Full PDB file with SEQRES, HELIX, SHEET, SSBOND, CRYST1, ORIGX, SCALE, CONECT and MASTER records, all heavy atoms in Angstrom:
SEQRES   1 A   32  VAL ILE PHE GLY ASN HIS VAL TYR VAL ASN PHE MET VAL          
SEQRES   2 A   32  GLY VAL GLY HIS ASP CYS VAL PHE ASP GLY TYR THR GLN          
SEQRES   3 A   32  ILE ASN PRO GLY ALA GLN                                      
SHEET    1 AA1 2 ILE A   2  PHE A   3  0                                        
SHEET    2 AA1 2 VAL A  20  PHE A  21  1                                        
SHEET    1 AA2 2 TYR A   8  VAL A   9  0                                        
SHEET    2 AA2 2 GLN A  26  ILE A  27  1                                        
CRYST1    1.000    1.000    1.000  90.00  90.00  90.00 P 1           1          
ORIGX1      1.000000  0.000000  0.000000        0.00000                         
ORIGX2      0.000000  1.000000  0.000000        0.00000                         
ORIGX3      0.000000  0.000000  1.000000        0.00000                         
SCALE1      1.000000  0.000000  0.000000        0.00000                         
SCALE2      0.000000  1.000000  0.000000        0.00000                         
SCALE3      0.000000  0.000000  1.000000        0.00000                         
ATOM      1  N   VAL A   1       2.223   2.426   9.626  1.00  0.00           N  
ATOM      2  CA  VAL A   1       1.708   2.654   8.273  1.00  0.00           C  
ATOM      3  C   VAL A   1       0.193   2.802   8.351  1.00  0.00           C  
ATOM      4  O   VAL A   1      -0.487   2.008   9.003  1.00  0.00           O  
ATOM      5  CB  VAL A   1       2.089   1.508   7.328  1.00  0.00           C  
ATOM      6  CG1 VAL A   1       1.434   1.693   5.957  1.00  0.00           C  
ATOM      7  CG2 VAL A   1       3.604   1.434   7.178  1.00  0.00           C  
ATOM      8  N   ILE A   2      -0.339   3.811   7.687  1.00  0.00           N  
ATOM      9  CA  ILE A   2      -1.770   4.096   7.723  1.00  0.00           C  
ATOM     10  C   ILE A   2      -2.366   3.838   6.346  1.00  0.00           C  
ATOM     11  O   ILE A   2      -1.876   4.363   5.340  1.00  0.00           O  
ATOM     12  CB  ILE A   2      -2.031   5.550   8.147  1.00  0.00           C  
ATOM     13  CG1 ILE A   2      -1.491   5.782   9.567  1.00  0.00           C  
ATOM     14  CG2 ILE A   2      -3.525   5.881   8.085  1.00  0.00           C  
ATOM     15  CD1 ILE A   2      -1.548   7.231  10.000  1.00  0.00           C  
ATOM     16  N   PHE A   3      -3.434   3.045   6.316  1.00  0.00           N  
ATOM     17  CA  PHE A   3      -4.130   2.734   5.074  1.00  0.00           C  
ATOM     18  C   PHE A   3      -5.524   3.340   5.091  1.00  0.00           C  
ATOM     19  O   PHE A   3      -6.267   3.181   6.060  1.00  0.00           O  
ATOM     20  CB  PHE A   3      -4.257   1.216   4.879  1.00  0.00           C  
ATOM     21  CG  PHE A   3      -2.953   0.503   4.665  1.00  0.00           C  
ATOM     22  CD1 PHE A   3      -2.370  -0.213   5.696  1.00  0.00           C  
ATOM     23  CD2 PHE A   3      -2.316   0.555   3.444  1.00  0.00           C  
ATOM     24  CE1 PHE A   3      -1.175  -0.882   5.503  1.00  0.00           C  
ATOM     25  CE2 PHE A   3      -1.117  -0.110   3.234  1.00  0.00           C  
ATOM     26  CZ  PHE A   3      -0.541  -0.829   4.265  1.00  0.00           C  
ATOM     27  N   GLY A   4      -5.894   4.010   3.996  1.00  0.00           N  
ATOM     28  CA  GLY A   4      -7.253   4.490   3.830  1.00  0.00           C  
ATOM     29  C   GLY A   4      -8.155   3.380   3.323  1.00  0.00           C  
ATOM     30  O   GLY A   4      -7.730   2.230   3.143  1.00  0.00           O  
ATOM     31  N   ASN A   5      -9.405   3.711   3.063  1.00  0.00           N  
ATOM     32  CA  ASN A   5     -10.368   2.718   2.588  1.00  0.00           C  
ATOM     33  C   ASN A   5      -9.952   2.121   1.246  1.00  0.00           C  
ATOM     34  O   ASN A   5      -9.481   2.834   0.353  1.00  0.00           O  
ATOM     35  CB  ASN A   5     -11.748   3.355   2.423  1.00  0.00           C  
ATOM     36  CG  ASN A   5     -12.379   3.733   3.742  1.00  0.00           C  
ATOM     37  OD1 ASN A   5     -12.160   3.085   4.760  1.00  0.00           O  
ATOM     38  ND2 ASN A   5     -13.169   4.799   3.738  1.00  0.00           N  
ATOM     39  N   HIS A   6     -10.139   0.807   1.124  1.00  0.00           N  
ATOM     40  CA  HIS A   6      -9.996   0.091  -0.145  1.00  0.00           C  
ATOM     41  C   HIS A   6      -8.606   0.243  -0.770  1.00  0.00           C  
ATOM     42  O   HIS A   6      -8.464   0.368  -1.981  1.00  0.00           O  
ATOM     43  CB  HIS A   6     -11.070   0.542  -1.130  1.00  0.00           C  
ATOM     44  CG  HIS A   6     -12.455   0.195  -0.690  1.00  0.00           C  
ATOM     45  ND1 HIS A   6     -12.970  -1.077  -0.774  1.00  0.00           N  
ATOM     46  CD2 HIS A   6     -13.419   0.964  -0.114  1.00  0.00           C  
ATOM     47  CE1 HIS A   6     -14.205  -1.071  -0.291  1.00  0.00           C  
ATOM     48  NE2 HIS A   6     -14.490   0.143   0.126  1.00  0.00           N  
ATOM     49  N   VAL A   7      -7.586   0.241   0.074  1.00  0.00           N  
ATOM     50  CA  VAL A   7      -6.217   0.143  -0.435  1.00  0.00           C  
ATOM     51  C   VAL A   7      -5.920  -1.336  -0.656  1.00  0.00           C  
ATOM     52  O   VAL A   7      -6.082  -2.155   0.246  1.00  0.00           O  
ATOM     53  CB  VAL A   7      -5.197   0.761   0.527  1.00  0.00           C  
ATOM     54  CG1 VAL A   7      -3.770   0.503   0.036  1.00  0.00           C  
ATOM     55  CG2 VAL A   7      -5.441   2.254   0.685  1.00  0.00           C  
ATOM     56  N   TYR A   8      -5.489  -1.670  -1.858  1.00  0.00           N  
ATOM     57  CA  TYR A   8      -5.210  -3.068  -2.209  1.00  0.00           C  
ATOM     58  C   TYR A   8      -3.709  -3.213  -2.443  1.00  0.00           C  
ATOM     59  O   TYR A   8      -3.154  -2.607  -3.356  1.00  0.00           O  
ATOM     60  CB  TYR A   8      -5.978  -3.466  -3.469  1.00  0.00           C  
ATOM     61  CG  TYR A   8      -6.103  -4.967  -3.670  1.00  0.00           C  
ATOM     62  CD1 TYR A   8      -7.331  -5.601  -3.551  1.00  0.00           C  
ATOM     63  CD2 TYR A   8      -4.993  -5.751  -3.986  1.00  0.00           C  
ATOM     64  CE1 TYR A   8      -7.453  -6.978  -3.733  1.00  0.00           C  
ATOM     65  CE2 TYR A   8      -5.103  -7.110  -4.165  1.00  0.00           C  
ATOM     66  CZ  TYR A   8      -6.340  -7.720  -4.033  1.00  0.00           C  
ATOM     67  OH  TYR A   8      -6.449  -9.071  -4.209  1.00  0.00           O  
ATOM     68  N   VAL A   9      -3.053  -4.016  -1.596  1.00  0.00           N  
ATOM     69  CA  VAL A   9      -1.613  -4.256  -1.694  1.00  0.00           C  
ATOM     70  C   VAL A   9      -1.420  -5.657  -2.255  1.00  0.00           C  
ATOM     71  O   VAL A   9      -1.708  -6.651  -1.585  1.00  0.00           O  
ATOM     72  CB  VAL A   9      -0.942  -4.122  -0.317  1.00  0.00           C  
ATOM     73  CG1 VAL A   9       0.568  -4.274  -0.451  1.00  0.00           C  
ATOM     74  CG2 VAL A   9      -1.284  -2.776   0.322  1.00  0.00           C  
ATOM     75  N   ASN A  10      -0.942  -5.745  -3.481  1.00  0.00           N  
ATOM     76  CA  ASN A  10      -0.763  -7.045  -4.123  1.00  0.00           C  
ATOM     77  C   ASN A  10       0.510  -7.724  -3.614  1.00  0.00           C  
ATOM     78  O   ASN A  10       1.230  -7.170  -2.781  1.00  0.00           O  
ATOM     79  CB  ASN A  10      -0.756  -6.888  -5.645  1.00  0.00           C  
ATOM     80  CG  ASN A  10      -1.392  -8.076  -6.347  1.00  0.00           C  
ATOM     81  OD1 ASN A  10      -1.309  -9.192  -5.872  1.00  0.00           O  
ATOM     82  ND2 ASN A  10      -2.014  -7.830  -7.488  1.00  0.00           N  
ATOM     83  N   PHE A  11       0.801  -8.915  -4.132  1.00  0.00           N  
ATOM     84  CA  PHE A  11       1.810  -9.761  -3.516  1.00  0.00           C  
ATOM     85  C   PHE A  11       3.232  -9.204  -3.626  1.00  0.00           C  
ATOM     86  O   PHE A  11       3.578  -8.493  -4.559  1.00  0.00           O  
ATOM     87  CB  PHE A  11       1.748 -11.186  -4.080  1.00  0.00           C  
ATOM     88  CG  PHE A  11       1.988 -11.303  -5.564  1.00  0.00           C  
ATOM     89  CD1 PHE A  11       3.257 -11.497  -6.068  1.00  0.00           C  
ATOM     90  CD2 PHE A  11       0.929 -11.239  -6.459  1.00  0.00           C  
ATOM     91  CE1 PHE A  11       3.480 -11.628  -7.426  1.00  0.00           C  
ATOM     92  CE2 PHE A  11       1.134 -11.365  -7.818  1.00  0.00           C  
ATOM     93  CZ  PHE A  11       2.411 -11.549  -8.310  1.00  0.00           C  
ATOM     94  N   MET A  12       4.038  -9.530  -2.608  1.00  0.00           N  
ATOM     95  CA  MET A  12       5.473  -9.227  -2.537  1.00  0.00           C  
ATOM     96  C   MET A  12       5.768  -7.734  -2.593  1.00  0.00           C  
ATOM     97  O   MET A  12       6.777  -7.301  -3.142  1.00  0.00           O  
ATOM     98  CB  MET A  12       6.236  -9.980  -3.638  1.00  0.00           C  
ATOM     99  CG  MET A  12       6.136 -11.492  -3.514  1.00  0.00           C  
ATOM    100  SD  MET A  12       7.130 -12.395  -4.725  1.00  0.00           S  
ATOM    101  CE  MET A  12       8.782 -12.070  -4.093  1.00  0.00           C  
ATOM    102  N   VAL A  13       4.922  -6.942  -1.992  1.00  0.00           N  
ATOM    103  CA  VAL A  13       5.135  -5.494  -1.887  1.00  0.00           C  
ATOM    104  C   VAL A  13       5.835  -5.191  -0.565  1.00  0.00           C  
ATOM    105  O   VAL A  13       5.540  -5.794   0.467  1.00  0.00           O  
ATOM    106  CB  VAL A  13       3.790  -4.745  -1.971  1.00  0.00           C  
ATOM    107  CG1 VAL A  13       3.952  -3.282  -1.570  1.00  0.00           C  
ATOM    108  CG2 VAL A  13       3.214  -4.845  -3.379  1.00  0.00           C  
ATOM    109  N   GLY A  14       6.765  -4.251  -0.598  1.00  0.00           N  
ATOM    110  CA  GLY A  14       7.424  -3.788   0.617  1.00  0.00           C  
ATOM    111  C   GLY A  14       7.069  -2.335   0.896  1.00  0.00           C  
ATOM    112  O   GLY A  14       7.154  -1.493  -0.001  1.00  0.00           O  
ATOM    113  N   VAL A  15       6.651  -2.050   2.110  1.00  0.00           N  
ATOM    114  CA  VAL A  15       6.278  -0.691   2.509  1.00  0.00           C  
ATOM    115  C   VAL A  15       7.068  -0.310   3.752  1.00  0.00           C  
ATOM    116  O   VAL A  15       7.017  -1.007   4.773  1.00  0.00           O  
ATOM    117  CB  VAL A  15       4.769  -0.584   2.803  1.00  0.00           C  
ATOM    118  CG1 VAL A  15       4.421   0.815   3.302  1.00  0.00           C  
ATOM    119  CG2 VAL A  15       3.953  -0.922   1.558  1.00  0.00           C  
ATOM    120  N   GLY A  16       7.814   0.796   3.672  1.00  0.00           N  
ATOM    121  CA  GLY A  16       8.603   1.263   4.807  1.00  0.00           C  
ATOM    122  C   GLY A  16       7.752   1.886   5.900  1.00  0.00           C  
ATOM    123  O   GLY A  16       6.550   2.130   5.719  1.00  0.00           O  
ATOM    124  N   HIS A  17       8.375   2.173   6.993  1.00  0.00           N  
ATOM    125  CA  HIS A  17       7.676   2.714   8.162  1.00  0.00           C  
ATOM    126  C   HIS A  17       7.089   4.105   7.898  1.00  0.00           C  
ATOM    127  O   HIS A  17       7.564   4.864   7.054  1.00  0.00           O  
ATOM    128  CB  HIS A  17       8.631   2.785   9.358  1.00  0.00           C  
ATOM    129  CG  HIS A  17       9.861   3.606   9.083  1.00  0.00           C  
ATOM    130  ND1 HIS A  17       9.900   4.982   9.184  1.00  0.00           N  
ATOM    131  CD2 HIS A  17      11.102   3.238   8.682  1.00  0.00           C  
ATOM    132  CE1 HIS A  17      11.106   5.435   8.888  1.00  0.00           C  
ATOM    133  NE2 HIS A  17      11.863   4.387   8.557  1.00  0.00           N  
ATOM    134  N   ASP A  18       6.034   4.418   8.618  1.00  0.00           N  
ATOM    135  CA  ASP A  18       5.435   5.758   8.651  1.00  0.00           C  
ATOM    136  C   ASP A  18       4.900   6.237   7.308  1.00  0.00           C  
ATOM    137  O   ASP A  18       4.835   7.436   7.052  1.00  0.00           O  
ATOM    138  CB  ASP A  18       6.441   6.783   9.200  1.00  0.00           C  
ATOM    139  CG  ASP A  18       6.853   6.467  10.622  1.00  0.00           C  
ATOM    140  OD1 ASP A  18       6.034   6.683  11.533  1.00  0.00           O  
ATOM    141  OD2 ASP A  18       7.990   5.987  10.821  1.00  0.00           O  
ATOM    142  N   CYS A  19       4.509   5.310   6.453  1.00  0.00           N  
ATOM    143  CA  CYS A  19       3.880   5.704   5.189  1.00  0.00           C  
ATOM    144  C   CYS A  19       2.379   5.927   5.393  1.00  0.00           C  
ATOM    145  O   CYS A  19       1.762   5.349   6.297  1.00  0.00           O  
ATOM    146  CB  CYS A  19       4.082   4.621   4.129  1.00  0.00           C  
ATOM    147  SG  CYS A  19       5.773   4.483   3.525  1.00  0.00           S  
ATOM    148  N   VAL A  20       1.802   6.761   4.539  1.00  0.00           N  
ATOM    149  CA  VAL A  20       0.363   7.022   4.577  1.00  0.00           C  
ATOM    150  C   VAL A  20      -0.202   6.803   3.182  1.00  0.00           C  
ATOM    151  O   VAL A  20       0.295   7.359   2.205  1.00  0.00           O  
ATOM    152  CB  VAL A  20       0.061   8.467   5.039  1.00  0.00           C  
ATOM    153  CG1 VAL A  20      -1.442   8.736   4.989  1.00  0.00           C  
ATOM    154  CG2 VAL A  20       0.593   8.714   6.440  1.00  0.00           C  
ATOM    155  N   PHE A  21      -1.242   5.968   3.105  1.00  0.00           N  
ATOM    156  CA  PHE A  21      -1.908   5.695   1.839  1.00  0.00           C  
ATOM    157  C   PHE A  21      -3.356   6.157   1.949  1.00  0.00           C  
ATOM    158  O   PHE A  21      -4.120   5.633   2.765  1.00  0.00           O  
ATOM    159  CB  PHE A  21      -1.893   4.194   1.527  1.00  0.00           C  
ATOM    160  CG  PHE A  21      -0.515   3.619   1.343  1.00  0.00           C  
ATOM    161  CD1 PHE A  21       0.225   3.193   2.425  1.00  0.00           C  
ATOM    162  CD2 PHE A  21       0.025   3.505   0.073  1.00  0.00           C  
ATOM    163  CE1 PHE A  21       1.500   2.662   2.261  1.00  0.00           C  
ATOM    164  CE2 PHE A  21       1.285   2.975  -0.113  1.00  0.00           C  
ATOM    165  CZ  PHE A  21       2.030   2.556   0.975  1.00  0.00           C  
ATOM    166  N   ASP A  22      -3.734   7.118   1.150  1.00  0.00           N  
ATOM    167  CA  ASP A  22      -5.128   7.523   1.117  1.00  0.00           C  
ATOM    168  C   ASP A  22      -5.955   6.475   0.362  1.00  0.00           C  
ATOM    169  O   ASP A  22      -5.417   5.546  -0.242  1.00  0.00           O  
ATOM    170  CB  ASP A  22      -5.284   8.898   0.469  1.00  0.00           C  
ATOM    171  CG  ASP A  22      -4.737  10.012   1.350  1.00  0.00           C  
ATOM    172  OD1 ASP A  22      -4.557   9.778   2.557  1.00  0.00           O  
ATOM    173  OD2 ASP A  22      -4.493  11.119   0.832  1.00  0.00           O  
ATOM    174  N   GLY A  23      -7.270   6.631   0.366  1.00  0.00           N  
ATOM    175  CA  GLY A  23      -8.171   5.612  -0.117  1.00  0.00           C  
ATOM    176  C   GLY A  23      -8.056   5.282  -1.590  1.00  0.00           C  
ATOM    177  O   GLY A  23      -7.613   6.097  -2.401  1.00  0.00           O  
ATOM    178  N   TYR A  24      -8.433   4.035  -1.904  1.00  0.00           N  
ATOM    179  CA  TYR A  24      -8.600   3.545  -3.276  1.00  0.00           C  
ATOM    180  C   TYR A  24      -7.291   3.448  -4.051  1.00  0.00           C  
ATOM    181  O   TYR A  24      -7.293   3.422  -5.283  1.00  0.00           O  
ATOM    182  CB  TYR A  24      -9.619   4.411  -4.023  1.00  0.00           C  
ATOM    183  CG  TYR A  24     -10.923   4.504  -3.296  1.00  0.00           C  
ATOM    184  CD1 TYR A  24     -11.219   5.604  -2.509  1.00  0.00           C  
ATOM    185  CD2 TYR A  24     -11.843   3.466  -3.341  1.00  0.00           C  
ATOM    186  CE1 TYR A  24     -12.400   5.685  -1.781  1.00  0.00           C  
ATOM    187  CE2 TYR A  24     -13.029   3.527  -2.634  1.00  0.00           C  
ATOM    188  CZ  TYR A  24     -13.290   4.637  -1.853  1.00  0.00           C  
ATOM    189  OH  TYR A  24     -14.461   4.694  -1.130  1.00  0.00           O  
ATOM    190  N   THR A  25      -6.189   3.372  -3.348  1.00  0.00           N  
ATOM    191  CA  THR A  25      -4.896   3.199  -3.997  1.00  0.00           C  
ATOM    192  C   THR A  25      -4.657   1.722  -4.306  1.00  0.00           C  
ATOM    193  O   THR A  25      -4.992   0.851  -3.507  1.00  0.00           O  
ATOM    194  CB  THR A  25      -3.773   3.763  -3.120  1.00  0.00           C  
ATOM    195  OG1 THR A  25      -3.839   5.186  -3.136  1.00  0.00           O  
ATOM    196  CG2 THR A  25      -2.409   3.328  -3.597  1.00  0.00           C  
ATOM    197  N   GLN A  26      -4.070   1.463  -5.463  1.00  0.00           N  
ATOM    198  CA  GLN A  26      -3.732   0.106  -5.892  1.00  0.00           C  
ATOM    199  C   GLN A  26      -2.214  -0.011  -5.982  1.00  0.00           C  
ATOM    200  O   GLN A  26      -1.575   0.768  -6.703  1.00  0.00           O  
ATOM    201  CB  GLN A  26      -4.354  -0.195  -7.258  1.00  0.00           C  
ATOM    202  CG  GLN A  26      -3.949  -1.508  -7.880  1.00  0.00           C  
ATOM    203  CD  GLN A  26      -4.585  -2.711  -7.195  1.00  0.00           C  
ATOM    204  OE1 GLN A  26      -5.632  -2.578  -6.552  1.00  0.00           O  
ATOM    205  NE2 GLN A  26      -3.976  -3.871  -7.338  1.00  0.00           N  
ATOM    206  N   ILE A  27      -1.634  -0.976  -5.251  1.00  0.00           N  
ATOM    207  CA  ILE A  27      -0.189  -1.189  -5.272  1.00  0.00           C  
ATOM    208  C   ILE A  27       0.061  -2.561  -5.878  1.00  0.00           C  
ATOM    209  O   ILE A  27      -0.285  -3.589  -5.294  1.00  0.00           O  
ATOM    210  CB  ILE A  27       0.412  -1.108  -3.863  1.00  0.00           C  
ATOM    211  CG1 ILE A  27      -0.038   0.177  -3.167  1.00  0.00           C  
ATOM    212  CG2 ILE A  27       1.935  -1.158  -3.932  1.00  0.00           C  
ATOM    213  CD1 ILE A  27       0.321   0.223  -1.713  1.00  0.00           C  
ATOM    214  N   ASN A  28       0.669  -2.593  -7.033  1.00  0.00           N  
ATOM    215  CA  ASN A  28       0.818  -3.837  -7.788  1.00  0.00           C  
ATOM    216  C   ASN A  28       2.051  -4.636  -7.359  1.00  0.00           C  
ATOM    217  O   ASN A  28       2.920  -4.125  -6.642  1.00  0.00           O  
ATOM    218  CB  ASN A  28       0.833  -3.527  -9.280  1.00  0.00           C  
ATOM    219  CG  ASN A  28      -0.564  -3.239  -9.809  1.00  0.00           C  
ATOM    220  OD1 ASN A  28      -1.565  -3.570  -9.190  1.00  0.00           O  
ATOM    221  ND2 ASN A  28      -0.638  -2.598 -10.972  1.00  0.00           N  
ATOM    222  N   PRO A  29       2.153  -5.895  -7.795  1.00  0.00           N  
ATOM    223  CA  PRO A  29       3.167  -6.813  -7.269  1.00  0.00           C  
ATOM    224  C   PRO A  29       4.594  -6.284  -7.339  1.00  0.00           C  
ATOM    225  O   PRO A  29       5.022  -5.695  -8.337  1.00  0.00           O  
ATOM    226  CB  PRO A  29       3.005  -8.048  -8.169  1.00  0.00           C  
ATOM    227  CG  PRO A  29       1.583  -8.024  -8.587  1.00  0.00           C  
ATOM    228  CD  PRO A  29       1.255  -6.576  -8.760  1.00  0.00           C  
ATOM    229  N   GLY A  30       5.326  -6.534  -6.253  1.00  0.00           N  
ATOM    230  CA  GLY A  30       6.755  -6.262  -6.217  1.00  0.00           C  
ATOM    231  C   GLY A  30       7.146  -4.826  -5.994  1.00  0.00           C  
ATOM    232  O   GLY A  30       8.345  -4.519  -5.929  1.00  0.00           O  
ATOM    233  N   ALA A  31       6.195  -3.906  -5.858  1.00  0.00           N  
ATOM    234  CA  ALA A  31       6.534  -2.508  -5.624  1.00  0.00           C  
ATOM    235  C   ALA A  31       7.218  -2.343  -4.264  1.00  0.00           C  
ATOM    236  O   ALA A  31       6.903  -3.056  -3.314  1.00  0.00           O  
ATOM    237  CB  ALA A  31       5.292  -1.638  -5.700  1.00  0.00           C  
ATOM    238  N   GLN A  32       8.161  -1.411  -4.194  1.00  0.00           N  
ATOM    239  CA  GLN A  32       8.888  -1.124  -2.958  1.00  0.00           C  
ATOM    240  C   GLN A  32       8.763   0.370  -2.664  1.00  0.00           C  
ATOM    241  O   GLN A  32       9.137   1.207  -3.494  1.00  0.00           O  
ATOM    242  CB  GLN A  32      10.356  -1.520  -3.089  1.00  0.00           C  
ATOM    243  CG  GLN A  32      10.572  -2.993  -3.411  1.00  0.00           C  
ATOM    244  CD  GLN A  32      10.105  -3.907  -2.301  1.00  0.00           C  
ATOM    245  OE1 GLN A  32      10.412  -3.691  -1.136  1.00  0.00           O  
ATOM    246  NE2 GLN A  32       9.351  -4.949  -2.662  1.00  0.00           N  
TER     247      GLN A  32                                                      
MASTER        0    0    0    0    4    0    0    6  246    1    0    3          
END                                                                             
């Protein structure tokens, strides 16, 4: 999994393999 600058992953988030997150993304609690 690749994270860009300032990606914030809040609590209890699940992220599958080979995902790409560009910068400044906000992932809120419990997202899958």
